[in-house]
C-alpha atoms as a PDB file:
ATOM      1  CA  UNK A   1     -54.158 -51.832  15.786  1.00  0.00           C
ATOM      2  CA  UNK A   2     -50.485 -52.181  17.019  1.00  0.00           C
ATOM      3  CA  UNK A   3     -49.425 -51.956  13.184  1.00  0.00           C
ATOM      4  CA  UNK A   4     -51.120 -48.785  12.915  1.00  0.00           C
ATOM      5  CA  UNK A   5     -49.531 -47.023  15.714  1.00  0.00           C
ATOM      6  CA  UNK A   6     -46.225 -48.589  14.709  1.00  0.00           C
ATOM      7  CA  UNK A   7     -46.848 -47.408  10.992  1.00  0.00           C
ATOM      8  CA  UNK A   8     -47.658 -43.944  12.758  1.00  0.00           C
ATOM      9  CA  UNK A   9     -44.587 -43.665  14.679  1.00  0.00           C
ATOM     10  CA  UNK A  10     -42.388 -44.821  11.492  1.00  0.00           C
ATOM     11  CA  UNK A  11     -44.111 -42.041   9.685  1.00  0.00           C
ATOM     12  CA  UNK A  12     -43.403 -39.335  12.329  1.00  0.00           C
ATOM     13  CA  UNK A  13     -39.678 -40.671  12.589  1.00  0.00           C
ATOM     14  CA  UNK A  14     -39.571 -40.459   8.537  1.00  0.00           C
ATOM     15  CA  UNK A  15     -41.039 -36.885   8.667  1.00  0.00           C
ATOM     16  CA  UNK A  16     -38.462 -35.643  11.202  1.00  0.00           C
ATOM     17  CA  UNK A  17     -35.643 -37.476   8.984  1.00  0.00           C
ATOM     18  CA  UNK A  18     -36.700 -35.427   5.867  1.00  0.00           C
ATOM     19  CA  UNK A  19     -36.953 -32.227   8.004  1.00  0.00           C
ATOM     20  CA  UNK A  20     -33.790 -32.740   9.225  1.00  0.00           C
ATOM     21  CA  UNK A  21     -32.284 -33.718   5.863  1.00  0.00           C
ATOM     22  CA  UNK A  22     -33.937 -30.309   4.533  1.00  0.00           C
ATOM     23  CA  UNK A  23     -32.206 -28.163   7.490  1.00  0.00           C
ATOM     24  CA  UNK A  24     -28.935 -29.638   6.884  1.00  0.00           C
ATOM     25  CA  UNK A  25     -29.355 -28.888   3.112  1.00  0.00           C
ATOM     26  CA  UNK A  26     -29.936 -25.306   3.781  1.00  0.00           C
ATOM     27  CA  UNK A  27     -27.152 -25.132   5.990  1.00  0.00           C
ATOM     28  CA  UNK A  28     -24.902 -26.763   3.663  1.00  0.00           C
ATOM     29  CA  UNK A  29     -25.746 -24.289   0.993  1.00  0.00           C
ATOM     30  CA  UNK A  30     -25.466 -21.432   3.515  1.00  0.00           C
ATOM     31  CA  UNK A  31     -22.105 -22.949   4.156  1.00  0.00           C
ATOM     32  CA  UNK A  32     -21.337 -22.817   0.635  1.00  0.00           C
ATOM     33  CA  UNK A  33     -22.348 -19.552  -0.308  1.00  0.00           C
ATOM     34  CA  UNK A  34     -19.908 -18.328   2.634  1.00  0.00           C
ATOM     35  CA  UNK A  35     -17.095 -20.228   1.260  1.00  0.00           C
ATOM     36  CA  UNK A  36     -17.493 -18.371  -1.946  1.00  0.00           C
ATOM     37  CA  UNK A  37     -17.764 -15.064  -0.486  1.00  0.00           C
ATOM     38  CA  UNK A  38     -14.871 -15.740   1.489  1.00  0.00           C
ATOM     39  CA  UNK A  39     -12.785 -17.351  -1.546  1.00  0.00           C
ATOM     40  CA  UNK A  40     -13.349 -14.093  -3.108  1.00  0.00           C
ATOM     41  CA  UNK A  41     -12.074 -12.162  -0.143  1.00  0.00           C
ATOM     42  CA  UNK A  42      -9.057 -14.078   0.078  1.00  0.00           C
ATOM     43  CA  UNK A  43      -8.373 -13.185  -3.746  1.00  0.00           C
ATOM     44  CA  UNK A  44      -9.408  -9.463  -3.399  1.00  0.00           C
ATOM     45  CA  UNK A  45      -6.884  -9.544  -0.237  1.00  0.00           C
ATOM     46  CA  UNK A  46      -4.028 -11.224  -2.315  1.00  0.00           C
ATOM     47  CA  UNK A  47      -4.305  -8.412  -4.844  1.00  0.00           C
ATOM     48  CA  UNK A  48      -4.162  -6.025  -2.172  1.00  0.00           C
ATOM     49  CA  UNK A  49      -1.217  -7.664  -0.690  1.00  0.00           C
ATOM     50  CA  UNK A  50       0.492  -7.679  -4.162  1.00  0.00           C
ATOM     51  CA  UNK A  51      -0.342  -3.894  -4.789  1.00  0.00           C
ATOM     52  CA  UNK A  52       0.983  -3.094  -1.382  1.00  0.00           C
ATOM     53  CA  UNK A  53       4.392  -5.094  -1.768  1.00  0.00           C
ATOM     54  CA  UNK A  54       4.725  -3.062  -5.068  1.00  0.00           C
ATOM     55  CA  UNK A  55       4.143   0.166  -3.390  1.00  0.00           C
ATOM     56  CA  UNK A  56       6.661  -0.978  -0.696  1.00  0.00           C
ATOM     57  CA  UNK A  57       9.302  -1.687  -3.690  1.00  0.00           C
ATOM     58  CA  UNK A  58       8.767   1.503  -5.434  1.00  0.00           C
ATOM     59  CA  UNK A  59       9.038   3.406  -1.949  1.00  0.00           C
ATOM     60  CA  UNK A  60      12.397   1.188  -1.319  1.00  0.00           C
ATOM     61  CA  UNK A  61      14.065   1.691  -4.640  1.00  0.00           C
ATOM     62  CA  UNK A  62      13.097   5.739  -4.107  1.00  0.00           C
ATOM     63  CA  UNK A  63      14.850   5.535  -0.690  1.00  0.00           C
ATOM     64  CA  UNK A  64      17.811   3.700  -2.019  1.00  0.00           C
ATOM     65  CA  UNK A  65      18.132   6.502  -4.505  1.00  0.00           C
ATOM     66  CA  UNK A  66      17.965   8.993  -1.583  1.00  0.00           C
ATOM     67  CA  UNK A  67      20.742   7.141   0.509  1.00  0.00           C
ATOM     68  CA  UNK A  68      22.831   6.938  -3.026  1.00  0.00           C
ATOM     69  CA  UNK A  69      22.546  10.827  -3.304  1.00  0.00           C
ATOM     70  CA  UNK A  70      23.464  11.182   0.356  1.00  0.00           C
ATOM     71  CA  UNK A  71      26.437   8.918  -0.099  1.00  0.00           C
ATOM     72  CA  UNK A  72      27.396  11.064  -2.984  1.00  0.00           C
ATOM     73  CA  UNK A  73      26.858  14.405  -1.204  1.00  0.00           C
ATOM     74  CA  UNK A  74      29.262  12.724   1.372  1.00  0.00           C
ATOM     75  CA  UNK A  75      31.918  12.437  -1.087  1.00  0.00           C
ATOM     76  CA  UNK A  76      31.757  16.093  -2.246  1.00  0.00           C
ATOM     77  CA  UNK A  77      34.969  17.930  -0.900  1.00  0.00           C
ATOM     78  CA  UNK A  78      33.742  19.773   2.328  1.00  0.00           C
ATOM     79  CA  UNK A  79      34.648  23.280   0.649  1.00  0.00           C
ATOM     80  CA  UNK A  80      32.175  22.439  -2.173  1.00  0.00           C
ATOM     81  CA  UNK A  81      29.394  21.345   0.109  1.00  0.00           C
ATOM     82  CA  UNK A  82      29.929  24.310   2.647  1.00  0.00           C
ATOM     83  CA  UNK A  83      29.168  26.456  -0.426  1.00  0.00           C
ATOM     84  CA  UNK A  84      26.149  24.582  -1.056  1.00  0.00           C
ATOM     85  CA  UNK A  85      25.038  24.817   2.527  1.00  0.00           C
ATOM     86  CA  UNK A  86      25.485  28.842   2.342  1.00  0.00           C
ATOM     87  CA  UNK A  87      23.000  28.878  -0.714  1.00  0.00           C
ATOM     88  CA  UNK A  88      20.028  28.739   1.356  1.00  0.00           C
ATOM     89  CA  UNK A  89      21.027  32.407   2.388  1.00  0.00           C
ATOM     90  CA  UNK A  90      22.294  33.466  -1.057  1.00  0.00           C
ATOM     91  CA  UNK A  91      18.555  32.578  -2.124  1.00  0.00           C
ATOM     92  CA  UNK A  92      16.854  34.405   0.679  1.00  0.00           C
ATOM     93  CA  UNK A  93      18.852  37.327  -0.194  1.00  0.00           C
ATOM     94  CA  UNK A  94      17.764  37.238  -3.991  1.00  0.00           C
ATOM     95  CA  UNK A  95      14.263  37.274  -3.005  1.00  0.00           C
ATOM     96  CA  UNK A  96      14.391  40.735  -1.392  1.00  0.00           C
ATOM     97  CA  UNK A  97      17.171  42.276  -3.966  1.00  0.00           C
ATOM     98  CA  UNK A  98      16.154  44.558  -6.910  1.00  0.00           C
ATOM     99  CA  UNK A  99      15.924  43.292 -10.345  1.00  0.00           C
ATOM    100  CA  UNK A 100      19.575  43.886 -11.310  1.00  0.00           C
ATOM    101  CA  UNK A 101      20.875  42.426  -8.107  1.00  0.00           C
ATOM    102  CA  UNK A 102      18.987  39.469  -8.541  1.00  0.00           C
ATOM    103  CA  UNK A 103      20.230  38.426 -11.869  1.00  0.00           C
ATOM    104  CA  UNK A 104      23.686  38.977 -10.709  1.00  0.00           C
ATOM    105  CA  UNK A 105      23.250  36.873  -7.754  1.00  0.00           C
ATOM    106  CA  UNK A 106      21.250  34.172  -9.997  1.00  0.00           C
ATOM    107  CA  UNK A 107      23.949  33.844 -12.542  1.00  0.00           C
ATOM    108  CA  UNK A 108      26.466  33.537  -9.590  1.00  0.00           C
ATOM    109  CA  UNK A 109      24.324  31.122  -8.304  1.00  0.00           C
ATOM    110  CA  UNK A 110      24.133  28.888 -11.361  1.00  0.00           C
ATOM    111  CA  UNK A 111      27.909  29.017 -11.804  1.00  0.00           C
ATOM    112  CA  UNK A 112      28.329  27.862  -8.351  1.00  0.00           C
ATOM    113  CA  UNK A 113      25.900  24.794  -8.679  1.00  0.00           C
ATOM    114  CA  UNK A 114      27.124  24.038 -12.113  1.00  0.00           C
ATOM    115  CA  UNK A 115      30.700  23.690 -10.491  1.00  0.00           C
ATOM    116  CA  UNK A 116      29.535  21.353  -7.940  1.00  0.00           C
ATOM    117  CA  UNK A 117      27.366  19.015  -9.884  1.00  0.00           C
END
């Protein structure tokens, strides 16, 4: 009878061991699935970072171009620069003027800008 009790306890122990093993197997499976998701998320984020870096480089190039244009602008003699500063006023006058006067000022405007640039 003692053997039966020992055998029953051994049987229970083996069943609990198998249940624990199955639970750990399920946990391992869940962790592996999560790992795959995270790896894909990393790939997606790396692509996003690369795209953002590319956008940043484009913006840096554009800003550099604008800075170069400003530097060139500063190199234009002051007299020509003053003429360009007055051009918005000239354009405003042109908007309200009759057709004949508009064309006369437009050609003057075109002549001034061609001299400057």
